[in-house]
């Protein structure tokens, strides 16, 4: 299930003063992903962990929901995804989809 999201920002790399509260929260949640998925969601070349930057929002949200539901196999993502609400997952997906 996808929820409508407020416009986050045309530029996920914008300075904090330029971002809305919703965008700041989304960026904060998305920052947790970068330790494995690479800076700004750009995984290093040759990594077995997929990049997130620029992927379709619906695809990212669906994958996170599948991890959360336990229907997609994973080593740690199922535990991580369970820590996010559906709205947070939608915001994270929107954030990474906007990264170019």
C-alpha atoms as a PDB file:
ATOM      1  CA  UNK A   1       0.000   0.000   0.000  1.00  0.00           C
ATOM      2  CA  UNK A   2       1.375   3.364  -0.991  1.00  0.00           C
ATOM      3  CA  UNK A   3       0.336   6.586   0.650  1.00  0.00           C
ATOM      4  CA  UNK A   4       0.321   9.984  -0.967  1.00  0.00           C
ATOM      5  CA  UNK A   5       3.349  11.948   0.085  1.00  0.00           C
ATOM      6  CA  UNK A   6       3.833  15.661   0.359  1.00  0.00           C
ATOM      7  CA  UNK A   7       6.403  17.104  -2.011  1.00  0.00           C
ATOM      8  CA  UNK A   8       9.688  16.420  -0.310  1.00  0.00           C
ATOM      9  CA  UNK A   9      12.146  18.483  -2.284  1.00  0.00           C
ATOM     10  CA  UNK A  10      13.278  18.694  -5.834  1.00  0.00           C
ATOM     11  CA  UNK A  11      16.821  18.366  -4.483  1.00  0.00           C
ATOM     12  CA  UNK A  12      17.441  15.754  -1.754  1.00  0.00           C
ATOM     13  CA  UNK A  13      20.905  17.279  -1.311  1.00  0.00           C
ATOM     14  CA  UNK A  14      19.485  20.697  -0.452  1.00  0.00           C
ATOM     15  CA  UNK A  15      20.594  22.469   2.707  1.00  0.00           C
ATOM     16  CA  UNK A  16      18.394  21.820   5.786  1.00  0.00           C
ATOM     17  CA  UNK A  17      17.010  25.380   5.758  1.00  0.00           C
ATOM     18  CA  UNK A  18      15.584  24.704   2.282  1.00  0.00           C
ATOM     19  CA  UNK A  19      13.789  21.469   3.210  1.00  0.00           C
ATOM     20  CA  UNK A  20      10.309  21.062   4.669  1.00  0.00           C
ATOM     21  CA  UNK A  21       9.819  19.222   7.960  1.00  0.00           C
ATOM     22  CA  UNK A  22       8.565  16.176   6.020  1.00  0.00           C
ATOM     23  CA  UNK A  23      11.671  16.235   3.832  1.00  0.00           C
ATOM     24  CA  UNK A  24      13.950  16.514   6.857  1.00  0.00           C
ATOM     25  CA  UNK A  25      12.261  13.493   8.455  1.00  0.00           C
ATOM     26  CA  UNK A  26      12.509  11.516   5.209  1.00  0.00           C
ATOM     27  CA  UNK A  27      16.180  12.416   4.850  1.00  0.00           C
ATOM     28  CA  UNK A  28      16.812  11.380   8.446  1.00  0.00           C
ATOM     29  CA  UNK A  29      15.183   7.977   7.901  1.00  0.00           C
ATOM     30  CA  UNK A  30      16.964   7.543   4.565  1.00  0.00           C
ATOM     31  CA  UNK A  31      20.338   8.329   6.152  1.00  0.00           C
ATOM     32  CA  UNK A  32      20.147   5.046   8.059  1.00  0.00           C
ATOM     33  CA  UNK A  33      20.135   3.211   4.717  1.00  0.00           C
ATOM     34  CA  UNK A  34      23.369   4.745   3.482  1.00  0.00           C
ATOM     35  CA  UNK A  35      25.669   2.776   5.765  1.00  0.00           C
ATOM     36  CA  UNK A  36      24.959  -0.314   3.635  1.00  0.00           C
ATOM     37  CA  UNK A  37      23.526   1.108   0.397  1.00  0.00           C
ATOM     38  CA  UNK A  38      26.209   3.776  -0.004  1.00  0.00           C
ATOM     39  CA  UNK A  39      26.265   7.565   0.190  1.00  0.00           C
ATOM     40  CA  UNK A  40      22.993   8.985  -1.125  1.00  0.00           C
ATOM     41  CA  UNK A  41      21.904   5.429  -1.917  1.00  0.00           C
ATOM     42  CA  UNK A  42      24.630   4.895  -4.500  1.00  0.00           C
ATOM     43  CA  UNK A  43      26.186   1.539  -3.662  1.00  0.00           C
ATOM     44  CA  UNK A  44      29.842   1.100  -4.607  1.00  0.00           C
ATOM     45  CA  UNK A  45      30.573  -0.635  -7.906  1.00  0.00           C
ATOM     46  CA  UNK A  46      30.640  -4.397  -7.503  1.00  0.00           C
ATOM     47  CA  UNK A  47      28.630  -4.337  -4.274  1.00  0.00           C
ATOM     48  CA  UNK A  48      26.134  -7.132  -3.681  1.00  0.00           C
ATOM     49  CA  UNK A  49      23.896  -4.573  -1.960  1.00  0.00           C
ATOM     50  CA  UNK A  50      21.701  -2.809  -4.535  1.00  0.00           C
ATOM     51  CA  UNK A  51      21.772   0.955  -5.072  1.00  0.00           C
ATOM     52  CA  UNK A  52      18.604   2.830  -4.104  1.00  0.00           C
ATOM     53  CA  UNK A  53      19.170   6.215  -5.756  1.00  0.00           C
ATOM     54  CA  UNK A  54      16.831   6.985  -8.625  1.00  0.00           C
ATOM     55  CA  UNK A  55      14.884   3.736  -8.490  1.00  0.00           C
ATOM     56  CA  UNK A  56      11.099   3.999  -8.868  1.00  0.00           C
ATOM     57  CA  UNK A  57       9.305   4.974  -5.667  1.00  0.00           C
ATOM     58  CA  UNK A  58       6.692   2.223  -6.041  1.00  0.00           C
ATOM     59  CA  UNK A  59       9.401  -0.420  -6.480  1.00  0.00           C
ATOM     60  CA  UNK A  60      11.354   0.737  -3.422  1.00  0.00           C
ATOM     61  CA  UNK A  61       8.226   0.891  -1.262  1.00  0.00           C
ATOM     62  CA  UNK A  62       7.062  -2.542  -2.447  1.00  0.00           C
ATOM     63  CA  UNK A  63      10.435  -4.105  -1.646  1.00  0.00           C
ATOM     64  CA  UNK A  64      10.488  -2.534   1.830  1.00  0.00           C
ATOM     65  CA  UNK A  65       6.928  -3.735   2.462  1.00  0.00           C
ATOM     66  CA  UNK A  66       7.929  -7.244   1.344  1.00  0.00           C
ATOM     67  CA  UNK A  67      10.873  -7.206   3.761  1.00  0.00           C
ATOM     68  CA  UNK A  68       8.587  -5.922   6.514  1.00  0.00           C
ATOM     69  CA  UNK A  69       6.022  -8.670   5.834  1.00  0.00           C
ATOM     70  CA  UNK A  70       8.729 -11.330   5.676  1.00  0.00           C
ATOM     71  CA  UNK A  71       7.803 -12.336   2.128  1.00  0.00           C
ATOM     72  CA  UNK A  72      11.169 -11.402   0.628  1.00  0.00           C
ATOM     73  CA  UNK A  73      14.224 -13.294   1.890  1.00  0.00           C
ATOM     74  CA  UNK A  74      16.898 -11.188   3.551  1.00  0.00           C
ATOM     75  CA  UNK A  75      19.682 -11.332   6.071  1.00  0.00           C
ATOM     76  CA  UNK A  76      18.869  -8.153   8.006  1.00  0.00           C
ATOM     77  CA  UNK A  77      16.421  -6.104   5.923  1.00  0.00           C
ATOM     78  CA  UNK A  78      13.359  -7.840   7.338  1.00  0.00           C
ATOM     79  CA  UNK A  79      14.341  -6.673  10.826  1.00  0.00           C
ATOM     80  CA  UNK A  80      15.205  -3.167   9.670  1.00  0.00           C
ATOM     81  CA  UNK A  81      11.978  -2.737   7.690  1.00  0.00           C
ATOM     82  CA  UNK A  82       9.848  -3.783  10.661  1.00  0.00           C
ATOM     83  CA  UNK A  83      11.130  -0.681  12.461  1.00  0.00           C
ATOM     84  CA  UNK A  84       9.444   1.679  10.008  1.00  0.00           C
ATOM     85  CA  UNK A  85       5.785   2.638   9.693  1.00  0.00           C
ATOM     86  CA  UNK A  86       4.108   2.446   6.289  1.00  0.00           C
ATOM     87  CA  UNK A  87       4.289   6.250   6.044  1.00  0.00           C
ATOM     88  CA  UNK A  88       8.005   6.209   6.858  1.00  0.00           C
ATOM     89  CA  UNK A  89       8.622   3.540   4.218  1.00  0.00           C
ATOM     90  CA  UNK A  90       6.746   5.640   1.651  1.00  0.00           C
ATOM     91  CA  UNK A  91       8.807   8.710   2.602  1.00  0.00           C
ATOM     92  CA  UNK A  92      12.101   6.801   2.354  1.00  0.00           C
ATOM     93  CA  UNK A  93      11.074   5.426  -1.043  1.00  0.00           C
ATOM     94  CA  UNK A  94      10.139   8.913  -2.250  1.00  0.00           C
ATOM     95  CA  UNK A  95      13.449  10.289  -0.994  1.00  0.00           C
ATOM     96  CA  UNK A  96      15.629   7.764  -2.814  1.00  0.00           C
ATOM     97  CA  UNK A  97      13.476   7.927  -5.951  1.00  0.00           C
ATOM     98  CA  UNK A  98      14.187  11.679  -6.097  1.00  0.00           C
ATOM     99  CA  UNK A  99      17.970  11.253  -5.837  1.00  0.00           C
ATOM    100  CA  UNK A 100      19.597  11.773  -9.223  1.00  0.00           C
END
